[in-house]
PDB file of N, CA and C in Angstrom:
ATOM      1  N   MET A   1       0.833  -1.180   0.021  1.00  0.00           N
ATOM      2  CA  MET A   1      -0.011  -0.020   0.015  1.00  0.00           C
ATOM      3  C   MET A   1       0.894   1.262   0.012  1.00  0.00           C
ATOM      4  N   LEU A   2       0.650   2.158  -0.903  1.00  0.00           N
ATOM      5  CA  LEU A   2       1.399   3.375  -0.999  1.00  0.00           C
ATOM      6  C   LEU A   2       0.882   4.403   0.008  1.00  0.00           C
ATOM      7  N   PRO A   3       1.765   5.059   0.750  1.00  0.00           N
ATOM      8  CA  PRO A   3       1.305   6.173   1.594  1.00  0.00           C
ATOM      9  C   PRO A   3       0.875   7.323   0.622  1.00  0.00           C
ATOM     10  N   MET A   4      -0.391   7.760   0.766  1.00  0.00           N
ATOM     11  CA  MET A   4      -0.911   8.723  -0.171  1.00  0.00           C
ATOM     12  C   MET A   4      -1.025  10.107   0.495  1.00  0.00           C
ATOM     13  N   LEU A   5      -0.804  11.130  -0.304  1.00  0.00           N
ATOM     14  CA  LEU A   5      -1.101  12.529   0.113  1.00  0.00           C
ATOM     15  C   LEU A   5      -2.605  12.747  -0.008  1.00  0.00           C
ATOM     16  N   ARG A   6      -3.202  13.256   0.994  1.00  0.00           N
ATOM     17  CA  ARG A   6      -4.652  13.464   0.969  1.00  0.00           C
ATOM     18  C   ARG A   6      -5.034  14.904   1.249  1.00  0.00           C
ATOM     19  N   ARG A   7      -4.276  15.597   2.041  1.00  0.00           N
ATOM     20  CA  ARG A   7      -4.657  16.920   2.493  1.00  0.00           C
ATOM     21  C   ARG A   7      -4.381  17.980   1.404  1.00  0.00           C
ATOM     22  N   ARG A   8      -5.241  18.899   1.264  1.00  0.00           N
ATOM     23  CA  ARG A   8      -5.053  20.014   0.306  1.00  0.00           C
ATOM     24  C   ARG A   8      -3.790  20.802   0.572  1.00  0.00           C
ATOM     25  N   ALA A   9      -3.458  20.951   1.882  1.00  0.00           N
ATOM     26  CA  ALA A   9      -2.258  21.726   2.266  1.00  0.00           C
ATOM     27  C   ALA A   9      -1.001  21.079   1.728  1.00  0.00           C
ATOM     28  N   ASP A  10      -0.983  19.736   1.732  1.00  0.00           N
ATOM     29  CA  ASP A  10       0.176  18.964   1.221  1.00  0.00           C
ATOM     30  C   ASP A  10       0.363  19.196  -0.289  1.00  0.00           C
ATOM     31  N   PHE A  11      -0.757  19.134  -0.978  1.00  0.00           N
ATOM     32  CA  PHE A  11      -0.705  19.333  -2.423  1.00  0.00           C
ATOM     33  C   PHE A  11      -0.247  20.823  -2.734  1.00  0.00           C
ATOM     34  N   ASP A  12      -0.797  21.789  -1.983  1.00  0.00           N
ATOM     35  CA  ASP A  12      -0.380  23.136  -2.138  1.00  0.00           C
ATOM     36  C   ASP A  12       1.105  23.377  -1.877  1.00  0.00           C
ATOM     37  N   ALA A  13       1.601  22.723  -0.842  1.00  0.00           N
ATOM     38  CA  ALA A  13       3.034  22.858  -0.494  1.00  0.00           C
ATOM     39  C   ALA A  13       3.927  22.387  -1.598  1.00  0.00           C
ATOM     40  N   ILE A  14       3.564  21.255  -2.217  1.00  0.00           N
ATOM     41  CA  ILE A  14       4.356  20.756  -3.342  1.00  0.00           C
ATOM     42  C   ILE A  14       4.285  21.753  -4.532  1.00  0.00           C
ATOM     43  N   GLY A  15       3.102  22.358  -4.748  1.00  0.00           N
ATOM     44  CA  GLY A  15       2.966  23.329  -5.822  1.00  0.00           C
ATOM     45  C   GLY A  15       3.828  24.577  -5.575  1.00  0.00           C
ATOM     46  N   ARG A  16       3.904  25.017  -4.319  1.00  0.00           N
ATOM     47  CA  ARG A  16       4.633  26.236  -4.005  1.00  0.00           C
ATOM     48  C   ARG A  16       6.148  25.977  -3.942  1.00  0.00           C
ATOM     49  N   HIS A  17       6.563  24.925  -3.253  1.00  0.00           N
ATOM     50  CA  HIS A  17       7.987  24.701  -2.907  1.00  0.00           C
ATOM     51  C   HIS A  17       8.644  23.594  -3.706  1.00  0.00           C
ATOM     52  N   GLY A  18       7.888  22.848  -4.478  1.00  0.00           N
ATOM     53  CA  GLY A  18       8.439  21.663  -5.160  1.00  0.00           C
ATOM     54  C   GLY A  18       9.062  22.016  -6.502  1.00  0.00           C
ATOM     55  N   THR A  19       9.633  20.967  -7.107  1.00  0.00           N
ATOM     56  CA  THR A  19      10.287  21.059  -8.436  1.00  0.00           C
ATOM     57  C   THR A  19       9.427  20.229  -9.351  1.00  0.00           C
ATOM     58  N   ALA A  20       9.427  20.605 -10.644  1.00  0.00           N
ATOM     59  CA  ALA A  20       8.551  19.877 -11.585  1.00  0.00           C
ATOM     60  C   ALA A  20       9.303  19.518 -12.882  1.00  0.00           C
ATOM     61  N   ARG A  21       8.889  18.391 -13.417  1.00  0.00           N
ATOM     62  CA  ARG A  21       9.313  17.914 -14.764  1.00  0.00           C
ATOM     63  C   ARG A  21       8.031  17.442 -15.429  1.00  0.00           C
ATOM     64  N   SER A  22       8.006  17.423 -16.756  1.00  0.00           N
ATOM     65  CA  SER A  22       6.790  16.998 -17.436  1.00  0.00           C
ATOM     66  C   SER A  22       7.120  16.281 -18.727  1.00  0.00           C
ATOM     67  N   THR A  23       6.130  15.467 -19.165  1.00  0.00           N
ATOM     68  CA  THR A  23       6.050  14.804 -20.425  1.00  0.00           C
ATOM     69  C   THR A  23       4.741  15.198 -21.061  1.00  0.00           C
ATOM     70  N   PRO A  24       4.468  14.845 -22.307  1.00  0.00           N
ATOM     71  CA  PRO A  24       3.132  15.166 -22.848  1.00  0.00           C
ATOM     72  C   PRO A  24       1.959  14.488 -22.098  1.00  0.00           C
ATOM     73  N   THR A  25       2.230  13.429 -21.320  1.00  0.00           N
ATOM     74  CA  THR A  25       1.115  12.738 -20.648  1.00  0.00           C
ATOM     75  C   THR A  25       1.027  13.003 -19.192  1.00  0.00           C
ATOM     76  N   LEU A  26       2.174  13.307 -18.532  1.00  0.00           N
ATOM     77  CA  LEU A  26       2.246  13.440 -17.105  1.00  0.00           C
ATOM     78  C   LEU A  26       3.107  14.625 -16.651  1.00  0.00           C
ATOM     79  N   VAL A  27       2.822  15.151 -15.458  1.00  0.00           N
ATOM     80  CA  VAL A  27       3.662  16.142 -14.793  1.00  0.00           C
ATOM     81  C   VAL A  27       4.041  15.579 -13.462  1.00  0.00           C
ATOM     82  N   LEU A  28       5.300  15.613 -13.106  1.00  0.00           N
ATOM     83  CA  LEU A  28       5.792  15.103 -11.870  1.00  0.00           C
ATOM     84  C   LEU A  28       6.270  16.301 -11.049  1.00  0.00           C
ATOM     85  N   ARG A  29       5.732  16.455  -9.810  1.00  0.00           N
ATOM     86  CA  ARG A  29       6.173  17.480  -8.913  1.00  0.00           C
ATOM     87  C   ARG A  29       6.710  16.755  -7.662  1.00  0.00           C
ATOM     88  N   TRP A  30       7.780  17.267  -7.075  1.00  0.00           N
ATOM     89  CA  TRP A  30       8.307  16.620  -5.879  1.00  0.00           C
ATOM     90  C   TRP A  30       8.919  17.645  -4.920  1.00  0.00           C
ATOM     91  N   MET A  31       9.033  17.198  -3.668  1.00  0.00           N
ATOM     92  CA  MET A  31       9.559  18.074  -2.649  1.00  0.00           C
ATOM     93  C   MET A  31      10.201  17.166  -1.532  1.00  0.00           C
ATOM     94  N   ARG A  32      11.355  17.495  -1.067  1.00  0.00           N
ATOM     95  CA  ARG A  32      12.029  16.764  -0.040  1.00  0.00           C
ATOM     96  C   ARG A  32      11.371  17.049   1.286  1.00  0.00           C
ATOM     97  N   THR A  33      11.183  15.998   2.102  1.00  0.00           N
ATOM     98  CA  THR A  33      10.530  16.155   3.422  1.00  0.00           C
ATOM     99  C   THR A  33      11.431  15.539   4.525  1.00  0.00           C
ATOM    100  N   ASP A  34      11.041  15.755   5.770  1.00  0.00           N
ATOM    101  CA  ASP A  34      11.804  15.114   6.859  1.00  0.00           C
ATOM    102  C   ASP A  34      11.223  13.806   7.290  1.00  0.00           C
ATOM    103  N   ARG A  35      10.173  13.379   6.590  1.00  0.00           N
ATOM    104  CA  ARG A  35       9.502  12.117   6.961  1.00  0.00           C
ATOM    105  C   ARG A  35      10.311  10.883   6.640  1.00  0.00           C
ATOM    106  N   GLY A  36      10.022   9.800   7.271  1.00  0.00           N
ATOM    107  CA  GLY A  36      10.718   8.545   7.013  1.00  0.00           C
ATOM    108  C   GLY A  36      10.033   7.729   5.876  1.00  0.00           C
ATOM    109  N   GLU A  37       9.084   8.327   5.262  1.00  0.00           N
ATOM    110  CA  GLU A  37       8.382   7.638   4.178  1.00  0.00           C
ATOM    111  C   GLU A  37       8.199   8.562   2.997  1.00  0.00           C
ATOM    112  N   THR A  38       7.971   8.033   1.826  1.00  0.00           N
ATOM    113  CA  THR A  38       7.612   8.829   0.697  1.00  0.00           C
ATOM    114  C   THR A  38       6.120   8.724   0.453  1.00  0.00           C
ATOM    115  N   ARG A  39       5.510   9.870   0.352  1.00  0.00           N
ATOM    116  CA  ARG A  39       4.043   9.947   0.107  1.00  0.00           C
ATOM    117  C   ARG A  39       3.795  10.311  -1.354  1.00  0.00           C
ATOM    118  N   ILE A  40       2.736   9.744  -1.869  1.00  0.00           N
ATOM    119  CA  ILE A  40       2.362   9.928  -3.264  1.00  0.00           C
ATOM    120  C   ILE A  40       1.005  10.640  -3.380  1.00  0.00           C
ATOM    121  N   GLY A  41       0.885  11.575  -4.226  1.00  0.00           N
ATOM    122  CA  GLY A  41      -0.401  12.198  -4.519  1.00  0.00           C
ATOM    123  C   GLY A  41      -0.687  12.079  -6.022  1.00  0.00           C
ATOM    124  N   LEU A  42      -1.961  11.856  -6.309  1.00  0.00           N
ATOM    125  CA  LEU A  42      -2.360  11.799  -7.754  1.00  0.00           C
ATOM    126  C   LEU A  42      -3.353  12.851  -8.017  1.00  0.00           C
ATOM    127  N   SER A  43      -3.251  13.470  -9.166  1.00  0.00           N
ATOM    128  CA  SER A  43      -4.234  14.444  -9.654  1.00  0.00           C
ATOM    129  C   SER A  43      -4.714  14.089 -11.018  1.00  0.00           C
ATOM    130  N   THR A  44      -6.021  13.872 -11.146  1.00  0.00           N
ATOM    131  CA  THR A  44      -6.571  13.507 -12.432  1.00  0.00           C
ATOM    132  C   THR A  44      -7.665  14.514 -12.713  1.00  0.00           C
ATOM    133  N   PRO A  45      -7.342  15.602 -13.393  1.00  0.00           N
ATOM    134  CA  PRO A  45      -8.307  16.671 -13.637  1.00  0.00           C
ATOM    135  C   PRO A  45      -9.464  16.246 -14.523  1.00  0.00           C
ATOM    136  N   ARG A  46     -10.502  17.014 -14.489  1.00  0.00           N
ATOM    137  CA  ARG A  46     -11.728  16.699 -15.241  1.00  0.00           C
ATOM    138  C   ARG A  46     -11.493  16.736 -16.777  1.00  0.00           C
ATOM    139  N   THR A  47     -10.403  17.334 -17.217  1.00  0.00           N
ATOM    140  CA  THR A  47     -10.128  17.376 -18.644  1.00  0.00           C
ATOM    141  C   THR A  47      -9.813  15.981 -19.176  1.00  0.00           C
ATOM    142  N   LEU A  48      -9.570  14.996 -18.247  1.00  0.00           N
ATOM    143  CA  LEU A  48      -9.371  13.590 -18.662  1.00  0.00           C
ATOM    144  C   LEU A  48     -10.662  12.915 -19.105  1.00  0.00           C
ATOM    145  N   GLY A  49     -11.791  13.398 -18.588  1.00  0.00           N
ATOM    146  CA  GLY A  49     -13.030  12.775 -18.913  1.00  0.00           C
ATOM    147  C   GLY A  49     -13.872  12.643 -17.698  1.00  0.00           C
ATOM    148  N   GLY A  50     -14.804  11.657 -17.743  1.00  0.00           N
ATOM    149  CA  GLY A  50     -15.710  11.458 -16.640  1.00  0.00           C
ATOM    150  C   GLY A  50     -15.034  10.720 -15.476  1.00  0.00           C
ATOM    151  N   ALA A  51     -15.813  10.437 -14.441  1.00  0.00           N
ATOM    152  CA  ALA A  51     -15.246   9.807 -13.258  1.00  0.00           C
ATOM    153  C   ALA A  51     -14.663   8.416 -13.572  1.00  0.00           C
ATOM    154  N   VAL A  52     -15.314   7.632 -14.402  1.00  0.00           N
ATOM    155  CA  VAL A  52     -14.822   6.337 -14.752  1.00  0.00           C
ATOM    156  C   VAL A  52     -13.444   6.420 -15.392  1.00  0.00           C
ATOM    157  N   GLN A  53     -13.275   7.327 -16.333  1.00  0.00           N
ATOM    158  CA  GLN A  53     -12.000   7.529 -16.985  1.00  0.00           C
ATOM    159  C   GLN A  53     -10.924   8.013 -16.064  1.00  0.00           C
ATOM    160  N   ARG A  54     -11.268   8.957 -15.178  1.00  0.00           N
ATOM    161  CA  ARG A  54     -10.263   9.471 -14.230  1.00  0.00           C
ATOM    162  C   ARG A  54      -9.855   8.384 -13.203  1.00  0.00           C
ATOM    163  N   ASN A  55     -10.791   7.568 -12.772  1.00  0.00           N
ATOM    164  CA  ASN A  55     -10.482   6.521 -11.833  1.00  0.00           C
ATOM    165  C   ASN A  55      -9.608   5.434 -12.478  1.00  0.00           C
ATOM    166  N   ARG A  56      -9.833   5.145 -13.773  1.00  0.00           N
ATOM    167  CA  ARG A  56      -9.059   4.160 -14.457  1.00  0.00           C
ATOM    168  C   ARG A  56      -7.592   4.651 -14.553  1.00  0.00           C
ATOM    169  N   VAL A  57      -7.431   5.916 -14.898  1.00  0.00           N
ATOM    170  CA  VAL A  57      -6.065   6.486 -14.967  1.00  0.00           C
ATOM    171  C   VAL A  57      -5.408   6.444 -13.602  1.00  0.00           C
ATOM    172  N   ARG A  58      -6.143   6.802 -12.549  1.00  0.00           N
ATOM    173  CA  ARG A  58      -5.629   6.771 -11.186  1.00  0.00           C
ATOM    174  C   ARG A  58      -5.185   5.334 -10.809  1.00  0.00           C
ATOM    175  N   ARG A  59      -5.957   4.373 -11.111  1.00  0.00           N
ATOM    176  CA  ARG A  59      -5.591   2.973 -10.764  1.00  0.00           C
ATOM    177  C   ARG A  59      -4.319   2.532 -11.495  1.00  0.00           C
ATOM    178  N   ARG A  60      -4.222   2.935 -12.740  1.00  0.00           N
ATOM    179  CA  ARG A  60      -2.971   2.615 -13.525  1.00  0.00           C
ATOM    180  C   ARG A  60      -1.765   3.271 -12.935  1.00  0.00           C
ATOM    181  N   LEU A  61      -1.908   4.546 -12.593  1.00  0.00           N
ATOM    182  CA  LEU A  61      -0.745   5.301 -12.051  1.00  0.00           C
ATOM    183  C   LEU A  61      -0.359   4.670 -10.716  1.00  0.00           C
ATOM    184  N   ARG A  62      -1.334   4.380  -9.823  1.00  0.00           N
ATOM    185  CA  ARG A  62      -1.000   3.757  -8.563  1.00  0.00           C
ATOM    186  C   ARG A  62      -0.253   2.450  -8.706  1.00  0.00           C
ATOM    187  N   SER A  63      -0.700   1.667  -9.652  1.00  0.00           N
ATOM    188  CA  SER A  63      -0.061   0.360  -9.901  1.00  0.00           C
ATOM    189  C   SER A  63       1.386   0.551 -10.391  1.00  0.00           C
ATOM    190  N   LEU A  64       1.582   1.478 -11.282  1.00  0.00           N
ATOM    191  CA  LEU A  64       2.951   1.720 -11.796  1.00  0.00           C
ATOM    192  C   LEU A  64       3.848   2.291 -10.731  1.00  0.00           C
ATOM    193  N   LEU A  65       3.319   3.176  -9.869  1.00  0.00           N
ATOM    194  CA  LEU A  65       4.148   3.740  -8.834  1.00  0.00           C
ATOM    195  C   LEU A  65       4.454   2.736  -7.769  1.00  0.00           C
ATOM    196  N   ARG A  66       3.535   1.825  -7.447  1.00  0.00           N
ATOM    197  CA  ARG A  66       3.788   0.718  -6.535  1.00  0.00           C
ATOM    198  C   ARG A  66       4.983  -0.086  -6.944  1.00  0.00           C
ATOM    199  N   GLU A  67       5.100  -0.340  -8.263  1.00  0.00           N
ATOM    200  CA  GLU A  67       6.196  -1.144  -8.804  1.00  0.00           C
ATOM    201  C   GLU A  67       7.543  -0.389  -8.697  1.00  0.00           C
ATOM    202  N   ARG A  68       7.508   0.939  -8.638  1.00  0.00           N
ATOM    203  CA  ARG A  68       8.731   1.717  -8.667  1.00  0.00           C
ATOM    204  C   ARG A  68       9.116   2.410  -7.381  1.00  0.00           C
ATOM    205  N   ILE A  69       8.297   2.223  -6.349  1.00  0.00           N
ATOM    206  CA  ILE A  69       8.530   2.934  -5.066  1.00  0.00           C
ATOM    207  C   ILE A  69       9.880   2.562  -4.454  1.00  0.00           C
ATOM    208  N   GLY A  70      10.356   1.335  -4.716  1.00  0.00           N
ATOM    209  CA  GLY A  70      11.647   0.927  -4.149  1.00  0.00           C
ATOM    210  C   GLY A  70      12.848   1.723  -4.674  1.00  0.00           C
ATOM    211  N   ARG A  71      12.698   2.248  -5.930  1.00  0.00           N
ATOM    212  CA  ARG A  71      13.777   3.053  -6.524  1.00  0.00           C
ATOM    213  C   ARG A  71      13.789   4.491  -6.002  1.00  0.00           C
ATOM    214  N   ILE A  72      12.699   4.899  -5.375  1.00  0.00           N
ATOM    215  CA  ILE A  72      12.527   6.294  -4.978  1.00  0.00           C
ATOM    216  C   ILE A  72      13.153   6.519  -3.596  1.00  0.00           C
ATOM    217  N   GLY A  73      12.915   5.675  -2.626  1.00  0.00           N
ATOM    218  CA  GLY A  73      13.460   5.814  -1.324  1.00  0.00           C
ATOM    219  C   GLY A  73      12.624   6.791  -0.450  1.00  0.00           C
ATOM    220  N   PRO A  74      12.953   6.860   0.832  1.00  0.00           N
ATOM    221  CA  PRO A  74      12.135   7.674   1.765  1.00  0.00           C
ATOM    222  C   PRO A  74      12.475   9.144   1.699  1.00  0.00           C
ATOM    223  N   GLY A  75      11.501   9.920   2.256  1.00  0.00           N
ATOM    224  CA  GLY A  75      11.736  11.389   2.478  1.00  0.00           C
ATOM    225  C   GLY A  75      11.282  12.285   1.328  1.00  0.00           C
ATOM    226  N   TRP A  76      10.315  11.842   0.539  1.00  0.00           N
ATOM    227  CA  TRP A  76       9.797  12.677  -0.560  1.00  0.00           C
ATOM    228  C   TRP A  76       8.314  12.800  -0.506  1.00  0.00           C
ATOM    229  N   ASP A  77       7.779  13.921  -0.906  1.00  0.00           N
ATOM    230  CA  ASP A  77       6.353  14.060  -1.244  1.00  0.00           C
ATOM    231  C   ASP A  77       6.300  14.232  -2.762  1.00  0.00           C
ATOM    232  N   ILE A  78       5.560  13.367  -3.423  1.00  0.00           N
ATOM    233  CA  ILE A  78       5.534  13.347  -4.897  1.00  0.00           C
ATOM    234  C   ILE A  78       4.047  13.514  -5.345  1.00  0.00           C
ATOM    235  N   LEU A  79       3.846  14.379  -6.341  1.00  0.00           N
ATOM    236  CA  LEU A  79       2.582  14.638  -6.963  1.00  0.00           C
ATOM    237  C   LEU A  79       2.684  14.320  -8.393  1.00  0.00           C
ATOM    238  N   LEU A  80       1.844  13.401  -8.850  1.00  0.00           N
ATOM    239  CA  LEU A  80       1.830  13.021 -10.267  1.00  0.00           C
ATOM    240  C   LEU A  80       0.487  13.510 -10.857  1.00  0.00           C
ATOM    241  N   ILE A  81       0.599  14.400 -11.816  1.00  0.00           N
ATOM    242  CA  ILE A  81      -0.621  15.026 -12.411  1.00  0.00           C
ATOM    243  C   ILE A  81      -0.739  14.482 -13.825  1.00  0.00           C
ATOM    244  N   ALA A  82      -1.920  13.962 -14.089  1.00  0.00           N
ATOM    245  CA  ALA A  82      -2.213  13.435 -15.424  1.00  0.00           C
ATOM    246  C   ALA A  82      -2.709  14.534 -16.354  1.00  0.00           C
ATOM    247  N   ARG A  83      -2.110  14.572 -17.532  1.00  0.00           N
ATOM    248  CA  ARG A  83      -2.577  15.508 -18.570  1.00  0.00           C
ATOM    249  C   ARG A  83      -3.630  14.786 -19.398  1.00  0.00           C
ATOM    250  N   PRO A  84      -4.400  15.541 -20.227  1.00  0.00           N
ATOM    251  CA  PRO A  84      -5.458  14.912 -20.979  1.00  0.00           C
ATOM    252  C   PRO A  84      -4.982  13.712 -21.865  1.00  0.00           C
ATOM    253  N   ALA A  85      -3.801  13.763 -22.352  1.00  0.00           N
ATOM    254  CA  ALA A  85      -3.251  12.677 -23.165  1.00  0.00           C
ATOM    255  C   ALA A  85      -3.148  11.339 -22.399  1.00  0.00           C
ATOM    256  N   ALA A  86      -3.088  11.403 -21.032  1.00  0.00           N
ATOM    257  CA  ALA A  86      -2.960  10.218 -20.231  1.00  0.00           C
ATOM    258  C   ALA A  86      -4.211   9.384 -20.315  1.00  0.00           C
ATOM    259  N   GLY A  87      -5.354   9.964 -20.594  1.00  0.00           N
ATOM    260  CA  GLY A  87      -6.590   9.219 -20.725  1.00  0.00           C
ATOM    261  C   GLY A  87      -6.569   8.192 -21.832  1.00  0.00           C
ATOM    262  N   ASP A  88      -5.868   8.555 -22.940  1.00  0.00           N
ATOM    263  CA  ASP A  88      -5.809   7.641 -24.066  1.00  0.00           C
ATOM    264  C   ASP A  88      -4.481   6.820 -24.124  1.00  0.00           C
ATOM    265  N   ALA A  89      -3.624   7.068 -23.190  1.00  0.00           N
ATOM    266  CA  ALA A  89      -2.294   6.367 -23.157  1.00  0.00           C
ATOM    267  C   ALA A  89      -2.465   4.928 -22.688  1.00  0.00           C
ATOM    268  N   SER A  90      -1.681   4.048 -23.272  1.00  0.00           N
ATOM    269  CA  SER A  90      -1.681   2.645 -22.841  1.00  0.00           C
ATOM    270  C   SER A  90      -0.866   2.513 -21.525  1.00  0.00           C
ATOM    271  N   HIS A  91      -1.012   1.359 -20.912  1.00  0.00           N
ATOM    272  CA  HIS A  91      -0.236   1.091 -19.682  1.00  0.00           C
ATOM    273  C   HIS A  91       1.242   1.243 -19.937  1.00  0.00           C
ATOM    274  N   ALA A  92       1.745   0.745 -21.029  1.00  0.00           N
ATOM    275  CA  ALA A  92       3.179   0.842 -21.381  1.00  0.00           C
ATOM    276  C   ALA A  92       3.576   2.303 -21.630  1.00  0.00           C
ATOM    277  N   GLU A  93       2.746   3.110 -22.213  1.00  0.00           N
ATOM    278  CA  GLU A  93       3.099   4.534 -22.458  1.00  0.00           C
ATOM    279  C   GLU A  93       3.170   5.246 -21.165  1.00  0.00           C
ATOM    280  N   LEU A  94       2.226   4.973 -20.206  1.00  0.00           N
ATOM    281  CA  LEU A  94       2.299   5.598 -18.885  1.00  0.00           C
ATOM    282  C   LEU A  94       3.510   5.168 -18.112  1.00  0.00           C
ATOM    283  N   ALA A  95       3.868   3.888 -18.233  1.00  0.00           N
ATOM    284  CA  ALA A  95       5.089   3.376 -17.541  1.00  0.00           C
ATOM    285  C   ALA A  95       6.329   4.078 -18.103  1.00  0.00           C
ATOM    286  N   GLU A  96       6.374   4.259 -19.417  1.00  0.00           N
ATOM    287  CA  GLU A  96       7.525   4.901 -20.059  1.00  0.00           C
ATOM    288  C   GLU A  96       7.617   6.369 -19.612  1.00  0.00           C
ATOM    289  N   ALA A  97       6.440   7.027 -19.482  1.00  0.00           N
ATOM    290  CA  ALA A  97       6.472   8.457 -19.025  1.00  0.00           C
ATOM    291  C   ALA A  97       6.911   8.555 -17.616  1.00  0.00           C
ATOM    292  N   ILE A  98       6.482   7.662 -16.730  1.00  0.00           N
ATOM    293  CA  ILE A  98       6.897   7.722 -15.322  1.00  0.00           C
ATOM    294  C   ILE A  98       8.420   7.438 -15.209  1.00  0.00           C
ATOM    295  N   ASP A  99       8.866   6.463 -15.968  1.00  0.00           N
ATOM    296  CA  ASP A  99      10.348   6.138 -15.934  1.00  0.00           C
ATOM    297  C   ASP A  99      11.144   7.306 -16.395  1.00  0.00           C
ATOM    298  N   ALA A 100      10.702   7.989 -17.456  1.00  0.00           N
ATOM    299  CA  ALA A 100      11.384   9.143 -18.030  1.00  0.00           C
ATOM    300  C   ALA A 100      11.431  10.284 -16.991  1.00  0.00           C
ATOM    301  N   LEU A 101      10.299  10.518 -16.303  1.00  0.00           N
ATOM    302  CA  LEU A 101      10.237  11.557 -15.293  1.00  0.00           C
ATOM    303  C   LEU A 101      11.185  11.253 -14.126  1.00  0.00           C
ATOM    304  N   LEU A 102      11.164   9.989 -13.629  1.00  0.00           N
ATOM    305  CA  LEU A 102      11.988   9.667 -12.546  1.00  0.00           C
ATOM    306  C   LEU A 102      13.454   9.777 -12.895  1.00  0.00           C
ATOM    307  N   ALA A 103      13.796   9.459 -14.154  1.00  0.00           N
ATOM    308  CA  ALA A 103      15.216   9.528 -14.558  1.00  0.00           C
ATOM    309  C   ALA A 103      15.647  11.001 -14.688  1.00  0.00           C
ATOM    310  N   ARG A 104      14.729  11.926 -14.998  1.00  0.00           N
ATOM    311  CA  ARG A 104      15.068  13.331 -15.150  1.00  0.00           C
ATOM    312  C   ARG A 104      14.978  14.074 -13.835  1.00  0.00           C
ATOM    313  N   SER A 105      14.472  13.435 -12.760  1.00  0.00           N
ATOM    314  CA  SER A 105      14.380  14.115 -11.535  1.00  0.00           C
ATOM    315  C   SER A 105      15.500  13.710 -10.575  1.00  0.00           C
ATOM    316  N   GLU A 106      15.522  14.328  -9.416  1.00  0.00           N
ATOM    317  CA  GLU A 106      16.605  14.016  -8.480  1.00  0.00           C
ATOM    318  C   GLU A 106      16.142  12.978  -7.466  1.00  0.00           C
ATOM    319  N   ILE A 107      14.945  12.408  -7.649  1.00  0.00           N
ATOM    320  CA  ILE A 107      14.414  11.452  -6.638  1.00  0.00           C
ATOM    321  C   ILE A 107      14.701   9.972  -6.965  1.00  0.00           C
ATOM    322  N   GLY A 108      15.254   9.706  -8.106  1.00  0.00           N
ATOM    323  CA  GLY A 108      15.623   8.320  -8.433  1.00  0.00           C
ATOM    324  C   GLY A 108      15.263   7.961  -9.840  1.00  0.00           C
ATOM    325  N   GLY A 109      15.573   6.805 -10.241  1.00  0.00           N
ATOM    326  CA  GLY A 109      15.237   6.371 -11.596  1.00  0.00           C
ATOM    327  C   GLY A 109      16.172   5.445 -12.129  1.00  0.00           C
TER     328      GLY A 109
END
C-alpha cells in the first residue's frame, strides 16, 4: 500500500515549494521532506473525462508507482498530475512516461 497524500495543504506545499518535470502525458512534482516515508499524490483533472476515465487512470498510475517505489526511497512528497493525453495512453506508455520523469528528477530512476 502506497502512503498517499490526501490533504489540500500537502498538495499546495508541493505546488509552491516543489520542483517539476513533465512529459506530454504526465507532470511530476516533488519536494524533499523530513518524513521517514515517501508519500504519493495523484491528480486527475476533469479534462481527462468522466469519473470512470479518471479512476481508471488513477488505478494505472497507482499500480505503476507501486512497482517503482523501491527506486525512490524515503523522504519525498511526490505529486503526479495526469494530462489529457494520459486518458488515451496505454499502460506501457504511462510506464515509459513515469520512468522518463524519474530519470530526469533528483528522486531516483
